[in-house]
C-alpha cells in the first residue's frame, strides 16, 4: 500500500470525506484534499532505501473558519490514530479567499518499503 493509500484509509476510518489531488467540481463541503508534496528515500550504506519519508499536505475545506478548524482537528486525530509516531506534523496554516475557508496541515510521514 502506498503512503497516499494509507492517508486515505486513515481519513476514511474517521469518516472524513477525502480526495487525492483535487476535489470534484461539485464536491459538497466539508472535505479534505490531500497530496504528496515530496518523497525522500533513506538509502543505507548497504544499498537501496528501506524507508521513505514523504511530505503530505492536507487541505481541510469547510463553510466557515470554525468548521475548517474543526475539520482540521479531526484530520490531526485521524492521522495520529492511523500512523502513530510515523507521522510528525510539520506546519499548519489557515486560509481564506473571502468565500472559502480552509485549514492546511503538512505532515512528514514515514513508511517502510516492502
PDB file of N, CA and C in Angstrom:
ATOM      1  N   UNK A   1       0.854  -1.182   0.000  1.00  0.00           N
ATOM      2  CA  UNK A   1       0.000   0.000   0.000  1.00  0.00           C
ATOM      3  C   UNK A   1       0.902   1.248   0.000  1.00  0.00           C
ATOM      4  N   UNK A   2       0.540   2.263  -0.768  1.00  0.00           N
ATOM      5  CA  UNK A   2       1.316   3.497  -0.830  1.00  0.00           C
ATOM      6  C   UNK A   2       1.008   4.405   0.367  1.00  0.00           C
ATOM      7  N   UNK A   3       1.833   5.392   0.565  1.00  0.00           N
ATOM      8  CA  UNK A   3       1.592   6.366   1.633  1.00  0.00           C
ATOM      9  C   UNK A   3       0.260   7.071   1.401  1.00  0.00           C
ATOM     10  N   UNK A   4      -0.025   7.416   0.142  1.00  0.00           N
ATOM     11  CA  UNK A   4      -1.304   8.080  -0.164  1.00  0.00           C
ATOM     12  C   UNK A   4      -2.495   7.187   0.187  1.00  0.00           C
ATOM     13  N   UNK A   5      -2.380   5.895  -0.098  1.00  0.00           N
ATOM     14  CA  UNK A   5      -3.456   4.970   0.267  1.00  0.00           C
ATOM     15  C   UNK A   5      -3.607   4.871   1.782  1.00  0.00           C
ATOM     16  N   UNK A   6      -2.484   4.903   2.494  1.00  0.00           N
ATOM     17  CA  UNK A   6      -2.524   4.893   3.962  1.00  0.00           C
ATOM     18  C   UNK A   6      -3.217   6.151   4.501  1.00  0.00           C
ATOM     19  N   UNK A   7      -2.939   7.301   3.882  1.00  0.00           N
ATOM     20  CA  UNK A   7      -3.589   8.557   4.290  1.00  0.00           C
ATOM     21  C   UNK A   7      -5.095   8.434   4.062  1.00  0.00           C
ATOM     22  N   UNK A   8      -5.495   7.966   2.875  1.00  0.00           N
ATOM     23  CA  UNK A   8      -6.920   7.817   2.581  1.00  0.00           C
ATOM     24  C   UNK A   8      -7.578   6.883   3.589  1.00  0.00           C
ATOM     25  N   UNK A   9      -6.941   5.773   3.886  1.00  0.00           N
ATOM     26  CA  UNK A   9      -7.502   4.808   4.840  1.00  0.00           C
ATOM     27  C   UNK A   9      -7.676   5.428   6.226  1.00  0.00           C
ATOM     28  N   UNK A  10      -6.682   6.191   6.675  1.00  0.00           N
ATOM     29  CA  UNK A  10      -6.770   6.835   7.992  1.00  0.00           C
ATOM     30  C   UNK A  10      -7.929   7.823   8.040  1.00  0.00           C
ATOM     31  N   UNK A  11      -8.081   8.628   6.980  1.00  0.00           N
ATOM     32  CA  UNK A  11      -9.177   9.604   6.931  1.00  0.00           C
ATOM     33  C   UNK A  11     -10.522   8.914   6.791  1.00  0.00           C
ATOM     34  N   UNK A  12     -10.578   7.903   5.928  1.00  0.00           N
ATOM     35  CA  UNK A  12     -11.827   7.168   5.710  1.00  0.00           C
ATOM     36  C   UNK A  12     -12.286   6.464   6.992  1.00  0.00           C
ATOM     37  N   UNK A  13     -11.334   5.926   7.751  1.00  0.00           N
ATOM     38  CA  UNK A  13     -11.673   5.262   9.021  1.00  0.00           C
ATOM     39  C   UNK A  13     -12.309   6.225  10.006  1.00  0.00           C
ATOM     40  N   UNK A  14     -12.000   7.513   9.875  1.00  0.00           N
ATOM     41  CA  UNK A  14     -12.570   8.545  10.757  1.00  0.00           C
ATOM     42  C   UNK A  14     -13.799   9.199  10.113  1.00  0.00           C
ATOM     43  N   UNK A  15     -14.301   8.611   9.027  1.00  0.00           N
ATOM     44  CA  UNK A  15     -15.472   9.133   8.299  1.00  0.00           C
ATOM     45  C   UNK A  15     -15.266  10.553   7.782  1.00  0.00           C
ATOM     46  N   UNK A  16     -14.039  10.834   7.348  1.00  0.00           N
ATOM     47  CA  UNK A  16     -13.706  12.140   6.771  1.00  0.00           C
ATOM     48  C   UNK A  16     -13.696  11.987   5.254  1.00  0.00           C
ATOM     49  N   UNK A  17     -14.501  12.806   4.576  1.00  0.00           N
ATOM     50  CA  UNK A  17     -14.557  12.781   3.109  1.00  0.00           C
ATOM     51  C   UNK A  17     -13.247  13.361   2.583  1.00  0.00           C
ATOM     52  N   UNK A  18     -12.533  12.565   1.774  1.00  0.00           N
ATOM     53  CA  UNK A  18     -11.212  12.985   1.311  1.00  0.00           C
ATOM     54  C   UNK A  18     -11.019  12.646  -0.159  1.00  0.00           C
ATOM     55  N   UNK A  19     -10.263  13.519  -0.821  1.00  0.00           N
ATOM     56  CA  UNK A  19      -9.962  13.342  -2.241  1.00  0.00           C
ATOM     57  C   UNK A  19      -8.459  13.501  -2.466  1.00  0.00           C
ATOM     58  N   UNK A  20      -7.863  12.625  -3.275  1.00  0.00           N
ATOM     59  CA  UNK A  20      -6.458  12.804  -3.626  1.00  0.00           C
ATOM     60  C   UNK A  20      -6.308  13.858  -4.725  1.00  0.00           C
ATOM     61  N   UNK A  21      -5.382  14.773  -4.553  1.00  0.00           N
ATOM     62  CA  UNK A  21      -5.080  15.753  -5.603  1.00  0.00           C
ATOM     63  C   UNK A  21      -5.998  16.941  -5.678  1.00  0.00           C
ATOM     64  N   UNK A  22      -7.254  16.718  -5.983  1.00  0.00           N
ATOM     65  CA  UNK A  22      -8.237  17.799  -6.012  1.00  0.00           C
ATOM     66  C   UNK A  22      -9.635  17.218  -5.869  1.00  0.00           C
ATOM     67  N   UNK A  23     -10.533  18.045  -5.376  1.00  0.00           N
ATOM     68  CA  UNK A  23     -11.921  17.616  -5.195  1.00  0.00           C
ATOM     69  C   UNK A  23     -12.663  17.702  -6.521  1.00  0.00           C
ATOM     70  N   UNK A  24     -13.703  16.888  -6.692  1.00  0.00           N
ATOM     71  CA  UNK A  24     -14.528  17.015  -7.892  1.00  0.00           C
ATOM     72  C   UNK A  24     -15.185  18.397  -7.960  1.00  0.00           C
ATOM     73  N   UNK A  25     -15.563  18.804  -9.130  1.00  0.00           N
ATOM     74  CA  UNK A  25     -16.145  20.131  -9.371  1.00  0.00           C
ATOM     75  C   UNK A  25     -17.278  20.481  -8.399  1.00  0.00           C
ATOM     76  N   UNK A  26     -18.178  19.561  -8.144  1.00  0.00           N
ATOM     77  CA  UNK A  26     -19.354  19.853  -7.313  1.00  0.00           C
ATOM     78  C   UNK A  26     -19.283  19.201  -5.941  1.00  0.00           C
ATOM     79  N   UNK A  27     -18.088  19.031  -5.412  1.00  0.00           N
ATOM     80  CA  UNK A  27     -17.929  18.410  -4.093  1.00  0.00           C
ATOM     81  C   UNK A  27     -18.628  19.262  -3.031  1.00  0.00           C
ATOM     82  N   UNK A  28     -19.295  18.595  -2.121  1.00  0.00           N
ATOM     83  CA  UNK A  28     -20.024  19.274  -1.050  1.00  0.00           C
ATOM     84  C   UNK A  28     -19.119  19.390   0.174  1.00  0.00           C
ATOM     85  N   UNK A  29     -19.049  20.600   0.719  1.00  0.00           N
ATOM     86  CA  UNK A  29     -18.263  20.846   1.928  1.00  0.00           C
ATOM     87  C   UNK A  29     -18.892  20.160   3.125  1.00  0.00           C
ATOM     88  N   UNK A  30     -18.134  19.793   4.117  1.00  0.00           N
ATOM     89  CA  UNK A  30     -16.676  19.859   4.257  1.00  0.00           C
ATOM     90  C   UNK A  30     -15.999  18.647   3.623  1.00  0.00           C
ATOM     91  N   UNK A  31     -14.729  18.837   3.242  1.00  0.00           N
ATOM     92  CA  UNK A  31     -13.939  17.736   2.708  1.00  0.00           C
ATOM     93  C   UNK A  31     -12.460  18.088   2.817  1.00  0.00           C
ATOM     94  N   UNK A  32     -11.642  17.062   2.581  1.00  0.00           N
ATOM     95  CA  UNK A  32     -10.183  17.208   2.638  1.00  0.00           C
ATOM     96  C   UNK A  32      -9.607  16.841   1.276  1.00  0.00           C
ATOM     97  N   UNK A  33      -8.655  17.629   0.815  1.00  0.00           N
ATOM     98  CA  UNK A  33      -7.867  17.295  -0.359  1.00  0.00           C
ATOM     99  C   UNK A  33      -6.439  17.067   0.129  1.00  0.00           C
ATOM    100  N   UNK A  34      -5.866  15.918  -0.219  1.00  0.00           N
ATOM    101  CA  UNK A  34      -4.504  15.623   0.217  1.00  0.00           C
ATOM    102  C   UNK A  34      -3.623  15.326  -0.990  1.00  0.00           C
ATOM    103  N   UNK A  35      -2.331  15.585  -0.813  1.00  0.00           N
ATOM    104  CA  UNK A  35      -1.377  15.295  -1.877  1.00  0.00           C
ATOM    105  C   UNK A  35       0.006  15.083  -1.289  1.00  0.00           C
ATOM    106  N   UNK A  36       0.757  14.260  -1.978  1.00  0.00           N
ATOM    107  CA  UNK A  36       2.158  14.050  -1.599  1.00  0.00           C
ATOM    108  C   UNK A  36       2.960  15.178  -2.236  1.00  0.00           C
ATOM    109  N   UNK A  37       3.641  15.941  -1.426  1.00  0.00           N
ATOM    110  CA  UNK A  37       4.439  17.063  -1.915  1.00  0.00           C
ATOM    111  C   UNK A  37       5.807  16.568  -2.380  1.00  0.00           C
ATOM    112  N   UNK A  38       6.388  15.659  -1.607  1.00  0.00           N
ATOM    113  CA  UNK A  38       7.694  15.125  -1.960  1.00  0.00           C
ATOM    114  C   UNK A  38       7.936  13.835  -1.191  1.00  0.00           C
ATOM    115  N   UNK A  39       8.882  13.054  -1.701  1.00  0.00           N
ATOM    116  CA  UNK A  39       9.319  11.850  -1.003  1.00  0.00           C
ATOM    117  C   UNK A  39      10.830  11.831  -0.968  1.00  0.00           C
ATOM    118  N   UNK A  40      11.369  11.540   0.217  1.00  0.00           N
ATOM    119  CA  UNK A  40      12.807  11.433   0.376  1.00  0.00           C
ATOM    120  C   UNK A  40      13.126   9.989   0.778  1.00  0.00           C
ATOM    121  N   UNK A  41      13.737   9.209  -0.137  1.00  0.00           N
ATOM    122  CA  UNK A  41      14.134   7.854   0.234  1.00  0.00           C
ATOM    123  C   UNK A  41      15.349   7.915   1.167  1.00  0.00           C
ATOM    124  N   UNK A  42      15.418   6.989   2.079  1.00  0.00           N
ATOM    125  CA  UNK A  42      16.544   6.941   3.007  1.00  0.00           C
ATOM    126  C   UNK A  42      17.391   5.717   2.689  1.00  0.00           C
ATOM    127  N   UNK A  43      18.416   5.957   1.859  1.00  0.00           N
ATOM    128  CA  UNK A  43      19.335   4.895   1.487  1.00  0.00           C
ATOM    129  C   UNK A  43      20.245   4.565   2.663  1.00  0.00           C
ATOM    130  N   UNK A  44      20.778   3.359   2.621  1.00  0.00           N
ATOM    131  CA  UNK A  44      21.724   2.941   3.648  1.00  0.00           C
ATOM    132  C   UNK A  44      23.062   2.658   2.990  1.00  0.00           C
ATOM    133  N   UNK A  45      24.088   2.520   3.778  1.00  0.00           N
ATOM    134  CA  UNK A  45      25.411   2.203   3.241  1.00  0.00           C
ATOM    135  C   UNK A  45      25.355   0.872   2.510  1.00  0.00           C
ATOM    136  N   UNK A  46      24.519  -0.029   2.991  1.00  0.00           N
ATOM    137  CA  UNK A  46      24.418  -1.353   2.403  1.00  0.00           C
ATOM    138  C   UNK A  46      23.588  -1.436   1.138  1.00  0.00           C
ATOM    139  N   UNK A  47      22.941  -0.336   0.723  1.00  0.00           N
ATOM    140  CA  UNK A  47      22.160  -0.431  -0.507  1.00  0.00           C
ATOM    141  C   UNK A  47      20.988   0.512  -0.563  1.00  0.00           C
ATOM    142  N   UNK A  48      19.968   0.060  -1.272  1.00  0.00           N
ATOM    143  CA  UNK A  48      18.801   0.895  -1.554  1.00  0.00           C
ATOM    144  C   UNK A  48      17.991   1.185  -0.289  1.00  0.00           C
ATOM    145  N   UNK A  49      17.148   2.199  -0.429  1.00  0.00           N
ATOM    146  CA  UNK A  49      16.311   2.645   0.685  1.00  0.00           C
ATOM    147  C   UNK A  49      15.376   1.537   1.151  1.00  0.00           C
ATOM    148  N   UNK A  50      15.160   1.503   2.462  1.00  0.00           N
ATOM    149  CA  UNK A  50      14.187   0.572   3.032  1.00  0.00           C
ATOM    150  C   UNK A  50      13.042   1.339   3.692  1.00  0.00           C
ATOM    151  N   UNK A  51      13.162   2.665   3.701  1.00  0.00           N
ATOM    152  CA  UNK A  51      12.122   3.502   4.289  1.00  0.00           C
ATOM    153  C   UNK A  51      12.049   4.812   3.509  1.00  0.00           C
ATOM    154  N   UNK A  52      10.828   5.283   3.290  1.00  0.00           N
ATOM    155  CA  UNK A  52      10.603   6.573   2.639  1.00  0.00           C
ATOM    156  C   UNK A  52      10.034   7.552   3.653  1.00  0.00           C
ATOM    157  N   UNK A  53      10.408   8.801   3.485  1.00  0.00           N
ATOM    158  CA  UNK A  53       9.821   9.889   4.269  1.00  0.00           C
ATOM    159  C   UNK A  53       9.113  10.797   3.269  1.00  0.00           C
ATOM    160  N   UNK A  54       7.802  10.926   3.414  1.00  0.00           N
ATOM    161  CA  UNK A  54       7.025  11.734   2.483  1.00  0.00           C
ATOM    162  C   UNK A  54       6.450  12.948   3.194  1.00  0.00           C
ATOM    163  N   UNK A  55       6.433  14.063   2.489  1.00  0.00           N
ATOM    164  CA  UNK A  55       5.739  15.252   2.980  1.00  0.00           C
ATOM    165  C   UNK A  55       4.352  15.224   2.354  1.00  0.00           C
ATOM    166  N   UNK A  56       3.343  15.218   3.213  1.00  0.00           N
ATOM    167  CA  UNK A  56       1.948  15.164   2.793  1.00  0.00           C
ATOM    168  C   UNK A  56       1.254  16.447   3.219  1.00  0.00           C
ATOM    169  N   UNK A  57       0.528  17.066   2.305  1.00  0.00           N
ATOM    170  CA  UNK A  57      -0.255  18.257   2.629  1.00  0.00           C
ATOM    171  C   UNK A  57      -1.731  17.891   2.586  1.00  0.00           C
ATOM    172  N   UNK A  58      -2.447  18.271   3.646  1.00  0.00           N
ATOM    173  CA  UNK A  58      -3.881  18.020   3.742  1.00  0.00           C
ATOM    174  C   UNK A  58      -4.587  19.357   3.868  1.00  0.00           C
ATOM    175  N   UNK A  59      -5.466  19.665   2.919  1.00  0.00           N
ATOM    176  CA  UNK A  59      -6.236  20.913   2.932  1.00  0.00           C
ATOM    177  C   UNK A  59      -7.661  20.588   3.368  1.00  0.00           C
ATOM    178  N   UNK A  60      -8.093  21.217   4.463  1.00  0.00           N
ATOM    179  CA  UNK A  60      -9.399  20.945   5.074  1.00  0.00           C
ATOM    180  C   UNK A  60     -10.347  22.083   4.731  1.00  0.00           C
ATOM    181  N   UNK A  61     -11.272  21.853   3.800  1.00  0.00           N
ATOM    182  CA  UNK A  61     -12.184  22.879   3.308  1.00  0.00           C
ATOM    183  C   UNK A  61     -13.533  22.788   4.011  1.00  0.00           C
ATOM    184  N   UNK A  62     -14.088  23.955   4.359  1.00  0.00           N
ATOM    185  CA  UNK A  62     -15.388  23.976   5.040  1.00  0.00           C
ATOM    186  C   UNK A  62     -16.098  25.302   4.780  1.00  0.00           C
ATOM    187  N   UNK A  63     -17.334  25.401   5.291  1.00  0.00           N
ATOM    188  CA  UNK A  63     -18.211  26.549   5.045  1.00  0.00           C
ATOM    189  C   UNK A  63     -17.730  27.819   5.735  1.00  0.00           C
ATOM    190  N   UNK A  64     -17.019  27.680   6.855  1.00  0.00           N
ATOM    191  CA  UNK A  64     -16.550  28.850   7.590  1.00  0.00           C
ATOM    192  C   UNK A  64     -15.271  28.497   8.336  1.00  0.00           C
ATOM    193  N   UNK A  65     -14.686  29.509   8.952  1.00  0.00           N
ATOM    194  CA  UNK A  65     -13.412  29.353   9.641  1.00  0.00           C
ATOM    195  C   UNK A  65     -13.488  28.298  10.738  1.00  0.00           C
ATOM    196  N   UNK A  66     -14.510  28.372  11.572  1.00  0.00           N
ATOM    197  CA  UNK A  66     -14.645  27.442  12.690  1.00  0.00           C
ATOM    198  C   UNK A  66     -14.787  26.004  12.195  1.00  0.00           C
ATOM    199  N   UNK A  67     -15.587  25.804  11.157  1.00  0.00           N
ATOM    200  CA  UNK A  67     -15.776  24.459  10.605  1.00  0.00           C
ATOM    201  C   UNK A  67     -14.471  23.922   9.998  1.00  0.00           C
ATOM    202  N   UNK A  68     -13.702  24.790   9.358  1.00  0.00           N
ATOM    203  CA  UNK A  68     -12.415  24.368   8.790  1.00  0.00           C
ATOM    204  C   UNK A  68     -11.450  23.948   9.897  1.00  0.00           C
ATOM    205  N   UNK A  69     -11.427  24.700  10.992  1.00  0.00           N
ATOM    206  CA  UNK A  69     -10.561  24.357  12.129  1.00  0.00           C
ATOM    207  C   UNK A  69     -11.015  23.049  12.780  1.00  0.00           C
ATOM    208  N   UNK A  70     -12.319  22.853  12.879  1.00  0.00           N
ATOM    209  CA  UNK A  70     -12.858  21.616  13.462  1.00  0.00           C
ATOM    210  C   UNK A  70     -12.488  20.417  12.595  1.00  0.00           C
ATOM    211  N   UNK A  71     -12.632  20.567  11.282  1.00  0.00           N
ATOM    212  CA  UNK A  71     -12.243  19.501  10.370  1.00  0.00           C
ATOM    213  C   UNK A  71     -10.743  19.234  10.487  1.00  0.00           C
ATOM    214  N   UNK A  72      -9.949  20.285  10.577  1.00  0.00           N
ATOM    215  CA  UNK A  72      -8.502  20.123  10.754  1.00  0.00           C
ATOM    216  C   UNK A  72      -8.168  19.334  12.011  1.00  0.00           C
ATOM    217  N   UNK A  73      -8.870  19.607  13.096  1.00  0.00           N
ATOM    218  CA  UNK A  73      -8.640  18.861  14.342  1.00  0.00           C
ATOM    219  C   UNK A  73      -8.986  17.385  14.158  1.00  0.00           C
ATOM    220  N   UNK A  74     -10.063  17.099  13.427  1.00  0.00           N
ATOM    221  CA  UNK A  74     -10.441  15.706  13.153  1.00  0.00           C
ATOM    222  C   UNK A  74      -9.386  15.012  12.299  1.00  0.00           C
ATOM    223  N   UNK A  75      -8.841  15.730  11.332  1.00  0.00           N
ATOM    224  CA  UNK A  75      -7.791  15.170  10.474  1.00  0.00           C
ATOM    225  C   UNK A  75      -6.558  14.847  11.307  1.00  0.00           C
ATOM    226  N   UNK A  76      -6.147  15.759  12.187  1.00  0.00           N
ATOM    227  CA  UNK A  76      -4.971  15.504  13.031  1.00  0.00           C
ATOM    228  C   UNK A  76      -5.177  14.263  13.891  1.00  0.00           C
ATOM    229  N   UNK A  77      -6.364  14.109  14.442  1.00  0.00           N
ATOM    230  CA  UNK A  77      -6.663  12.920  15.245  1.00  0.00           C
ATOM    231  C   UNK A  77      -6.598  11.663  14.388  1.00  0.00           C
ATOM    232  N   UNK A  78      -7.171  11.717  13.183  1.00  0.00           N
ATOM    233  CA  UNK A  78      -7.165  10.557  12.286  1.00  0.00           C
ATOM    234  C   UNK A  78      -5.743  10.157  11.898  1.00  0.00           C
ATOM    235  N   UNK A  79      -4.888  11.120  11.657  1.00  0.00           N
ATOM    236  CA  UNK A  79      -3.501  10.826  11.282  1.00  0.00           C
ATOM    237  C   UNK A  79      -2.753  10.218  12.463  1.00  0.00           C
ATOM    238  N   UNK A  80      -2.954  10.743  13.651  1.00  0.00           N
ATOM    239  CA  UNK A  80      -2.307  10.187  14.849  1.00  0.00           C
ATOM    240  C   UNK A  80      -2.759   8.747  15.076  1.00  0.00           C
ATOM    241  N   UNK A  81      -4.056   8.505  14.957  1.00  0.00           N
ATOM    242  CA  UNK A  81      -4.589   7.146  15.142  1.00  0.00           C
ATOM    243  C   UNK A  81      -4.062   6.211  14.045  1.00  0.00           C
ATOM    244  N   UNK A  82      -4.049   6.690  12.810  1.00  0.00           N
ATOM    245  CA  UNK A  82      -3.643   5.861  11.684  1.00  0.00           C
ATOM    246  C   UNK A  82      -2.152   5.597  11.572  1.00  0.00           C
ATOM    247  N   UNK A  83      -1.335   6.551  12.014  1.00  0.00           N
ATOM    248  CA  UNK A  83       0.108   6.446  11.810  1.00  0.00           C
ATOM    249  C   UNK A  83       0.924   6.394  13.093  1.00  0.00           C
ATOM    250  N   UNK A  84       0.372   6.865  14.191  1.00  0.00           N
ATOM    251  CA  UNK A  84       1.147   6.903  15.428  1.00  0.00           C
ATOM    252  C   UNK A  84       2.391   7.753  15.261  1.00  0.00           C
ATOM    253  N   UNK A  85       3.527   7.277  15.784  1.00  0.00           N
ATOM    254  CA  UNK A  85       4.755   8.087  15.725  1.00  0.00           C
ATOM    255  C   UNK A  85       5.375   8.179  14.337  1.00  0.00           C
ATOM    256  N   UNK A  86       4.799   7.487  13.340  1.00  0.00           N
ATOM    257  CA  UNK A  86       5.331   7.567  11.967  1.00  0.00           C
ATOM    258  C   UNK A  86       4.899   8.833  11.247  1.00  0.00           C
ATOM    259  N   UNK A  87       4.079   9.674  11.888  1.00  0.00           N
ATOM    260  CA  UNK A  87       3.641  10.938  11.281  1.00  0.00           C
ATOM    261  C   UNK A  87       3.950  12.075  12.244  1.00  0.00           C
ATOM    262  N   UNK A  88       4.640  13.076  11.728  1.00  0.00           N
ATOM    263  CA  UNK A  88       5.010  14.245  12.530  1.00  0.00           C
ATOM    264  C   UNK A  88       4.453  15.484  11.841  1.00  0.00           C
ATOM    265  N   UNK A  89       3.639  16.235  12.571  1.00  0.00           N
ATOM    266  CA  UNK A  89       3.081  17.460  11.992  1.00  0.00           C
ATOM    267  C   UNK A  89       4.196  18.487  11.850  1.00  0.00           C
ATOM    268  N   UNK A  90       4.303  19.055  10.649  1.00  0.00           N
ATOM    269  CA  UNK A  90       5.373  19.997  10.344  1.00  0.00           C
ATOM    270  C   UNK A  90       4.914  21.449  10.319  1.00  0.00           C
ATOM    271  N   UNK A  91       3.700  21.671   9.839  1.00  0.00           N
ATOM    272  CA  UNK A  91       3.254  23.040   9.626  1.00  0.00           C
ATOM    273  C   UNK A  91       1.731  23.049   9.551  1.00  0.00           C
ATOM    274  N   UNK A  92       1.149  24.178   9.955  1.00  0.00           N
ATOM    275  CA  UNK A  92      -0.304  24.337   9.848  1.00  0.00           C
ATOM    276  C   UNK A  92      -0.598  25.807   9.583  1.00  0.00           C
ATOM    277  N   UNK A  93      -1.609  26.057   8.767  1.00  0.00           N
ATOM    278  CA  UNK A  93      -1.967  27.427   8.429  1.00  0.00           C
ATOM    279  C   UNK A  93      -3.455  27.511   8.126  1.00  0.00           C
ATOM    280  N   UNK A  94      -4.025  28.677   8.318  1.00  0.00           N
ATOM    281  CA  UNK A  94      -5.426  28.930   7.991  1.00  0.00           C
ATOM    282  C   UNK A  94      -5.480  29.870   6.789  1.00  0.00           C
ATOM    283  N   UNK A  95      -6.406  29.602   5.880  1.00  0.00           N
ATOM    284  CA  UNK A  95      -6.516  30.387   4.656  1.00  0.00           C
ATOM    285  C   UNK A  95      -7.972  30.717   4.368  1.00  0.00           C
ATOM    286  N   UNK A  96      -8.169  31.781   3.597  1.00  0.00           N
ATOM    287  CA  UNK A  96      -9.500  32.151   3.123  1.00  0.00           C
ATOM    288  C   UNK A  96      -9.344  33.021   1.896  1.00  0.00           C
ATOM    289  N   UNK A  97     -10.285  32.883   0.958  1.00  0.00           N
ATOM    290  CA  UNK A  97     -10.297  33.776  -0.194  1.00  0.00           C
ATOM    291  C   UNK A  97     -11.547  34.656  -0.159  1.00  0.00           C
ATOM    292  N   UNK A  98     -12.164  34.759   1.010  1.00  0.00           N
ATOM    293  CA  UNK A  98     -13.363  35.564   1.170  1.00  0.00           C
ATOM    294  C   UNK A  98     -14.625  34.729   1.181  1.00  0.00           C
ATOM    295  N   UNK A  99     -14.700  33.726   0.295  1.00  0.00           N
ATOM    296  CA  UNK A  99     -15.872  32.856   0.220  1.00  0.00           C
ATOM    297  C   UNK A  99     -15.600  31.462   0.767  1.00  0.00           C
ATOM    298  N   UNK A 100     -14.361  31.040   0.676  1.00  0.00           N
ATOM    299  CA  UNK A 100     -13.980  29.693   1.081  1.00  0.00           C
ATOM    300  C   UNK A 100     -12.968  29.751   2.212  1.00  0.00           C
ATOM    301  N   UNK A 101     -13.026  28.756   3.077  1.00  0.00           N
ATOM    302  CA  UNK A 101     -12.132  28.700   4.220  1.00  0.00           C
ATOM    303  C   UNK A 101     -11.464  27.329   4.235  1.00  0.00           C
ATOM    304  N   UNK A 102     -10.180  27.306   4.565  1.00  0.00           N
ATOM    305  CA  UNK A 102      -9.507  26.031   4.705  1.00  0.00           C
ATOM    306  C   UNK A 102      -8.373  26.138   5.701  1.00  0.00           C
ATOM    307  N   UNK A 103      -8.106  24.996   6.286  1.00  0.00           N
ATOM    308  CA  UNK A 103      -7.018  24.811   7.232  1.00  0.00           C
ATOM    309  C   UNK A 103      -6.104  23.792   6.567  1.00  0.00           C
ATOM    310  N   UNK A 104      -4.841  24.160   6.330  1.00  0.00           N
ATOM    311  CA  UNK A 104      -3.959  23.167   5.711  1.00  0.00           C
ATOM    312  C   UNK A 104      -2.885  22.748   6.685  1.00  0.00           C
ATOM    313  N   UNK A 105      -2.592  21.451   6.595  1.00  0.00           N
ATOM    314  CA  UNK A 105      -1.690  20.815   7.539  1.00  0.00           C
ATOM    315  C   UNK A 105      -0.664  20.006   6.754  1.00  0.00           C
ATOM    316  N   UNK A 106       0.604  20.174   7.083  1.00  0.00           N
ATOM    317  CA  UNK A 106       1.679  19.388   6.480  1.00  0.00           C
ATOM    318  C   UNK A 106       2.173  18.358   7.488  1.00  0.00           C
ATOM    319  N   UNK A 107       2.348  17.146   7.012  1.00  0.00           N
ATOM    320  CA  UNK A 107       2.914  16.077   7.834  1.00  0.00           C
ATOM    321  C   UNK A 107       4.125  15.486   7.145  1.00  0.00           C
ATOM    322  N   UNK A 108       5.066  15.049   7.939  1.00  0.00           N
ATOM    323  CA  UNK A 108       6.145  14.195   7.473  1.00  0.00           C
ATOM    324  C   UNK A 108       5.751  12.790   7.899  1.00  0.00           C
ATOM    325  N   UNK A 109       5.622  11.882   6.925  1.00  0.00           N
ATOM    326  CA  UNK A 109       5.136  10.536   7.182  1.00  0.00           C
ATOM    327  C   UNK A 109       6.216   9.535   6.762  1.00  0.00           C
ATOM    328  N   UNK A 110       6.453   8.574   7.608  1.00  0.00           N
ATOM    329  CA  UNK A 110       7.463   7.540   7.350  1.00  0.00           C
ATOM    330  C   UNK A 110       6.771   6.225   7.003  1.00  0.00           C
ATOM    331  N   UNK A 111       7.313   5.537   5.995  1.00  0.00           N
ATOM    332  CA  UNK A 111       6.740   4.234   5.606  1.00  0.00           C
ATOM    333  C   UNK A 111       7.857   3.301   5.180  1.00  0.00           C
ATOM    334  N   UNK A 112       7.806   2.104   5.729  1.00  0.00           N
ATOM    335  CA  UNK A 112       8.767   1.067   5.344  1.00  0.00           C
ATOM    336  C   UNK A 112       8.422   0.577   3.941  1.00  0.00           C
ATOM    337  N   UNK A 113       9.436   0.430   3.109  1.00  0.00           N
ATOM    338  CA  UNK A 113       9.253  -0.049   1.743  1.00  0.00           C
ATOM    339  C   UNK A 113       9.295  -1.565   1.768  1.00  0.00           C
ATOM    340  N   UNK A 114       8.332  -2.189   1.077  1.00  0.00           N
ATOM    341  CA  UNK A 114       8.330  -3.654   1.075  1.00  0.00           C
ATOM    342  C   UNK A 114       9.364  -4.211   0.146  1.00  0.00           C
TER     343      UNK A 114
END
